[in-house]
Amino acid sequence: LGSEAAFAFLDVIHATAQSDDVKATALYTRGSALKDSVMMSDEDDVDAVAVRAEADLVFKKVATLYPTTKVGERCVGMLFAERNLNVGQLAPDIVGKAPAWR
């Protein structure tokens, strides 16, 4: 199955599925396939940069439209990590409750 046919199939699944989990999975699969297709490309390759940007938009769409699904939660975490956890970047503040010591 070629990539265009696979993407068309995923689009049909996303458009016709009734389950948010299935819709989120179809979009996530599309984004993953895009990202994987340029994984080994040079950072300066203009086409690869465009494909990576398209994949990131797909992941943002999953995180926005389906945040309560498992795939949506994965995309939220993945996008957070890409924005905030880069080498040489200051780590974000930790927000949470201190454990109750006895």
N, C-alpha and C. Protein backbone atom coordinates (compact mmCIF):
# COMPACT_ATOMS: atom_id res chain seq x y z
N LEU A 1 0.86 -1.18 0.00
CA LEU A 1 0.00 0.00 0.00
C LEU A 1 0.90 1.23 0.00
N GLY A 2 0.75 2.11 -0.98
CA GLY A 2 1.55 3.33 -1.05
C GLY A 2 1.14 4.33 -0.01
N SER A 3 2.01 5.31 0.24
CA SER A 3 1.72 6.28 1.30
C SER A 3 0.49 7.12 0.99
N GLU A 4 0.28 7.48 -0.27
CA GLU A 4 -0.91 8.27 -0.60
C GLU A 4 -2.19 7.48 -0.35
N ALA A 5 -2.19 6.21 -0.71
CA ALA A 5 -3.35 5.36 -0.48
C ALA A 5 -3.57 5.15 1.02
N ALA A 6 -2.47 4.98 1.75
CA ALA A 6 -2.58 4.80 3.20
C ALA A 6 -3.12 6.06 3.86
N PHE A 7 -2.64 7.22 3.44
CA PHE A 7 -3.14 8.47 4.01
C PHE A 7 -4.61 8.68 3.66
N ALA A 8 -5.00 8.32 2.45
CA ALA A 8 -6.41 8.44 2.06
C ALA A 8 -7.28 7.52 2.92
N PHE A 9 -6.78 6.31 3.17
CA PHE A 9 -7.50 5.36 4.03
C PHE A 9 -7.64 5.92 5.45
N LEU A 10 -6.56 6.48 5.99
CA LEU A 10 -6.62 7.07 7.34
C LEU A 10 -7.59 8.25 7.38
N ASP A 11 -7.64 9.02 6.31
CA ASP A 11 -8.58 10.15 6.25
C ASP A 11 -10.03 9.65 6.28
N VAL A 12 -10.29 8.56 5.56
CA VAL A 12 -11.64 7.98 5.56
C VAL A 12 -12.00 7.48 6.96
N ILE A 13 -11.06 6.80 7.60
CA ILE A 13 -11.31 6.32 8.97
C ILE A 13 -11.61 7.49 9.89
N HIS A 14 -10.80 8.54 9.81
CA HIS A 14 -11.02 9.71 10.69
C HIS A 14 -12.37 10.35 10.43
N ALA A 15 -12.76 10.43 9.17
CA ALA A 15 -14.01 11.10 8.82
C ALA A 15 -15.25 10.29 9.18
N THR A 16 -15.14 8.96 9.15
CA THR A 16 -16.34 8.14 9.33
C THR A 16 -16.44 7.45 10.69
N ALA A 17 -15.37 7.39 11.43
CA ALA A 17 -15.40 6.69 12.72
C ALA A 17 -16.29 7.43 13.71
N GLN A 18 -16.93 6.67 14.56
CA GLN A 18 -17.77 7.27 15.59
C GLN A 18 -17.03 7.42 16.91
N SER A 19 -16.01 6.64 17.10
CA SER A 19 -15.24 6.65 18.35
C SER A 19 -14.11 7.68 18.28
N ASP A 20 -14.00 8.49 19.32
CA ASP A 20 -12.90 9.45 19.39
C ASP A 20 -11.55 8.75 19.46
N ASP A 21 -11.50 7.57 20.10
CA ASP A 21 -10.25 6.81 20.17
C ASP A 21 -9.78 6.40 18.77
N VAL A 22 -10.71 5.96 17.95
CA VAL A 22 -10.37 5.54 16.58
C VAL A 22 -9.94 6.75 15.75
N LYS A 23 -10.67 7.85 15.89
CA LYS A 23 -10.32 9.07 15.15
C LYS A 23 -8.92 9.56 15.55
N ALA A 24 -8.65 9.57 16.85
CA ALA A 24 -7.35 10.02 17.33
C ALA A 24 -6.25 9.09 16.84
N THR A 25 -6.49 7.80 16.84
CA THR A 25 -5.50 6.85 16.38
C THR A 25 -5.21 7.01 14.90
N ALA A 26 -6.23 7.27 14.10
CA ALA A 26 -6.03 7.48 12.67
C ALA A 26 -5.16 8.72 12.42
N LEU A 27 -5.44 9.79 13.13
CA LEU A 27 -4.62 11.00 12.96
C LEU A 27 -3.20 10.79 13.46
N TYR A 28 -3.07 10.14 14.60
CA TYR A 28 -1.74 9.90 15.16
C TYR A 28 -0.91 9.02 14.22
N THR A 29 -1.53 8.03 13.63
CA THR A 29 -0.83 7.15 12.69
C THR A 29 -0.34 7.94 11.49
N ARG A 30 -1.15 8.87 11.01
CA ARG A 30 -0.74 9.73 9.89
C ARG A 30 0.47 10.57 10.29
N GLY A 31 0.42 11.20 11.45
CA GLY A 31 1.53 12.02 11.91
C GLY A 31 2.80 11.21 12.12
N SER A 32 2.65 10.02 12.68
CA SER A 32 3.82 9.15 12.89
C SER A 32 4.45 8.73 11.58
N ALA A 33 3.61 8.40 10.60
CA ALA A 33 4.13 8.00 9.29
C ALA A 33 4.87 9.16 8.63
N LEU A 34 4.33 10.36 8.75
CA LEU A 34 5.02 11.53 8.19
C LEU A 34 6.36 11.74 8.86
N LYS A 35 6.36 11.69 10.18
CA LYS A 35 7.59 11.91 10.93
C LYS A 35 8.64 10.83 10.63
N ASP A 36 8.19 9.58 10.56
CA ASP A 36 9.11 8.48 10.27
C ASP A 36 9.70 8.58 8.87
N SER A 37 8.94 9.15 7.93
CA SER A 37 9.40 9.21 6.55
C SER A 37 10.60 10.14 6.37
N VAL A 38 10.79 11.06 7.31
CA VAL A 38 11.90 12.01 7.20
C VAL A 38 12.86 11.91 8.39
N MET A 39 12.75 10.84 9.15
CA MET A 39 13.55 10.71 10.37
C MET A 39 15.04 10.81 10.09
N MET A 40 15.52 10.20 9.03
CA MET A 40 16.94 10.17 8.74
C MET A 40 17.39 11.30 7.81
N SER A 41 16.52 12.24 7.51
CA SER A 41 16.86 13.34 6.61
C SER A 41 17.70 14.39 7.32
N ASP A 42 18.42 15.18 6.53
CA ASP A 42 19.21 16.28 7.07
C ASP A 42 18.30 17.36 7.63
N GLU A 43 18.80 18.05 8.64
CA GLU A 43 18.04 19.15 9.24
C GLU A 43 17.82 20.31 8.25
N ASP A 44 18.71 20.42 7.27
CA ASP A 44 18.62 21.53 6.31
C ASP A 44 17.75 21.21 5.11
N ASP A 45 17.29 19.97 4.98
CA ASP A 45 16.46 19.57 3.85
C ASP A 45 15.10 20.26 3.96
N VAL A 46 14.81 21.14 3.00
CA VAL A 46 13.59 21.95 3.05
C VAL A 46 12.34 21.08 3.04
N ASP A 47 12.35 20.04 2.21
CA ASP A 47 11.18 19.15 2.16
C ASP A 47 10.97 18.43 3.48
N ALA A 48 12.06 17.99 4.09
CA ALA A 48 11.96 17.28 5.37
C ALA A 48 11.44 18.21 6.46
N VAL A 49 11.88 19.45 6.45
CA VAL A 49 11.41 20.42 7.43
C VAL A 49 9.91 20.63 7.28
N ALA A 50 9.43 20.70 6.05
CA ALA A 50 7.99 20.89 5.80
C ALA A 50 7.19 19.68 6.27
N VAL A 51 7.72 18.48 6.03
CA VAL A 51 7.02 17.26 6.44
C VAL A 51 6.99 17.16 7.96
N ARG A 52 8.10 17.51 8.62
CA ARG A 52 8.13 17.51 10.09
C ARG A 52 7.11 18.50 10.65
N ALA A 53 7.00 19.67 10.02
CA ALA A 53 6.03 20.68 10.46
C ALA A 53 4.61 20.16 10.29
N GLU A 54 4.36 19.46 9.18
CA GLU A 54 3.03 18.89 8.96
C GLU A 54 2.72 17.82 10.02
N ALA A 55 3.71 17.00 10.35
CA ALA A 55 3.52 15.98 11.38
C ALA A 55 3.21 16.63 12.73
N ASP A 56 3.94 17.69 13.07
CA ASP A 56 3.68 18.39 14.33
C ASP A 56 2.27 18.97 14.36
N LEU A 57 1.79 19.49 13.22
CA LEU A 57 0.42 20.01 13.16
C LEU A 57 -0.60 18.90 13.40
N VAL A 58 -0.32 17.72 12.86
CA VAL A 58 -1.22 16.58 13.08
C VAL A 58 -1.24 16.21 14.56
N PHE A 59 -0.07 16.16 15.20
CA PHE A 59 -0.02 15.84 16.62
C PHE A 59 -0.73 16.90 17.46
N LYS A 60 -0.59 18.17 17.09
CA LYS A 60 -1.30 19.25 17.80
C LYS A 60 -2.80 19.10 17.64
N LYS A 61 -3.23 18.69 16.45
CA LYS A 61 -4.66 18.49 16.19
C LYS A 61 -5.20 17.36 17.08
N VAL A 62 -4.46 16.27 17.18
CA VAL A 62 -4.87 15.16 18.04
C VAL A 62 -4.96 15.64 19.50
N ALA A 63 -3.94 16.36 19.95
CA ALA A 63 -3.92 16.85 21.33
C ALA A 63 -5.07 17.81 21.61
N THR A 64 -5.44 18.61 20.61
CA THR A 64 -6.50 19.60 20.78
C THR A 64 -7.89 18.97 20.70
N LEU A 65 -8.10 18.12 19.69
CA LEU A 65 -9.44 17.56 19.47
C LEU A 65 -9.78 16.38 20.38
N TYR A 66 -8.75 15.61 20.77
CA TYR A 66 -8.99 14.39 21.52
C TYR A 66 -8.10 14.29 22.76
N PRO A 67 -8.09 15.31 23.62
CA PRO A 67 -7.15 15.32 24.75
C PRO A 67 -7.44 14.26 25.81
N THR A 68 -8.64 13.72 25.85
CA THR A 68 -8.98 12.75 26.89
C THR A 68 -8.76 11.30 26.45
N THR A 69 -8.39 11.10 25.18
CA THR A 69 -8.09 9.74 24.73
C THR A 69 -6.64 9.41 25.09
N LYS A 70 -6.31 8.12 25.09
CA LYS A 70 -4.93 7.73 25.39
C LYS A 70 -3.96 8.30 24.37
N VAL A 71 -4.34 8.29 23.11
CA VAL A 71 -3.48 8.83 22.05
C VAL A 71 -3.37 10.35 22.20
N GLY A 72 -4.45 11.00 22.56
CA GLY A 72 -4.42 12.45 22.78
C GLY A 72 -3.50 12.81 23.93
N GLU A 73 -3.57 12.04 25.01
CA GLU A 73 -2.68 12.28 26.16
C GLU A 73 -1.22 12.07 25.76
N ARG A 74 -0.96 11.06 24.93
CA ARG A 74 0.40 10.81 24.45
C ARG A 74 0.90 12.01 23.63
N CYS A 75 0.03 12.56 22.79
CA CYS A 75 0.42 13.72 21.97
C CYS A 75 0.67 14.95 22.83
N VAL A 76 -0.15 15.15 23.85
CA VAL A 76 0.06 16.28 24.76
C VAL A 76 1.44 16.16 25.41
N GLY A 77 1.77 14.98 25.90
CA GLY A 77 3.08 14.76 26.53
C GLY A 77 4.22 14.91 25.54
N MET A 78 4.03 14.38 24.35
CA MET A 78 5.08 14.46 23.33
C MET A 78 5.33 15.92 22.92
N LEU A 79 4.28 16.68 22.73
CA LEU A 79 4.44 18.09 22.37
C LEU A 79 5.08 18.88 23.50
N PHE A 80 4.72 18.57 24.74
CA PHE A 80 5.34 19.23 25.89
C PHE A 80 6.84 18.94 25.90
N ALA A 81 7.20 17.69 25.69
CA ALA A 81 8.61 17.30 25.71
C ALA A 81 9.39 18.01 24.60
N GLU A 82 8.81 18.09 23.41
CA GLU A 82 9.50 18.74 22.30
C GLU A 82 9.71 20.23 22.55
N ARG A 83 8.74 20.86 23.21
CA ARG A 83 8.84 22.30 23.47
C ARG A 83 9.72 22.62 24.67
N ASN A 84 9.71 21.76 25.68
CA ASN A 84 10.30 22.12 26.96
C ASN A 84 11.49 21.29 27.42
N LEU A 85 11.80 20.20 26.76
CA LEU A 85 12.84 19.32 27.25
C LEU A 85 13.92 19.09 26.20
N ASN A 86 14.55 20.15 25.76
CA ASN A 86 15.62 20.05 24.78
C ASN A 86 16.98 20.15 25.47
N VAL A 87 17.98 19.58 24.85
CA VAL A 87 19.33 19.63 25.39
C VAL A 87 19.77 21.09 25.49
N GLY A 88 20.29 21.47 26.66
CA GLY A 88 20.77 22.83 26.88
C GLY A 88 19.69 23.81 27.32
N GLN A 89 18.46 23.37 27.36
CA GLN A 89 17.35 24.23 27.76
C GLN A 89 17.08 24.03 29.26
N LEU A 90 16.72 25.10 29.95
CA LEU A 90 16.37 24.99 31.35
C LEU A 90 15.13 24.12 31.51
N ALA A 91 15.15 23.25 32.49
CA ALA A 91 14.00 22.39 32.76
C ALA A 91 12.85 23.23 33.32
N PRO A 92 11.61 22.90 32.98
CA PRO A 92 10.48 23.65 33.53
C PRO A 92 10.33 23.38 35.02
N ASP A 93 9.69 24.31 35.71
CA ASP A 93 9.44 24.14 37.14
C ASP A 93 8.52 22.93 37.35
N ILE A 94 8.75 22.25 38.44
CA ILE A 94 7.91 21.11 38.79
C ILE A 94 6.75 21.63 39.63
N VAL A 95 5.56 21.26 39.22
CA VAL A 95 4.36 21.67 39.94
C VAL A 95 3.71 20.42 40.50
N GLY A 96 3.46 20.43 41.79
CA GLY A 96 2.83 19.27 42.39
C GLY A 96 2.79 19.42 43.90
N LYS A 97 2.21 18.44 44.53
CA LYS A 97 2.10 18.46 45.99
C LYS A 97 3.27 17.66 46.57
N ALA A 98 3.76 18.13 47.69
CA ALA A 98 4.81 17.41 48.41
C ALA A 98 4.21 16.15 49.03
N PRO A 99 4.98 15.09 49.08
CA PRO A 99 4.45 13.87 49.69
C PRO A 99 4.23 14.06 51.19
N ALA A 100 3.27 13.36 51.70
CA ALA A 100 2.97 13.43 53.14
C ALA A 100 3.91 12.48 53.87
N TRP A 101 4.88 13.02 54.59
CA TRP A 101 5.82 12.19 55.35
C TRP A 101 5.25 11.90 56.72
N ARG A 102 5.49 10.75 57.20
CA ARG A 102 4.96 10.36 58.52
C ARG A 102 6.03 10.42 59.54
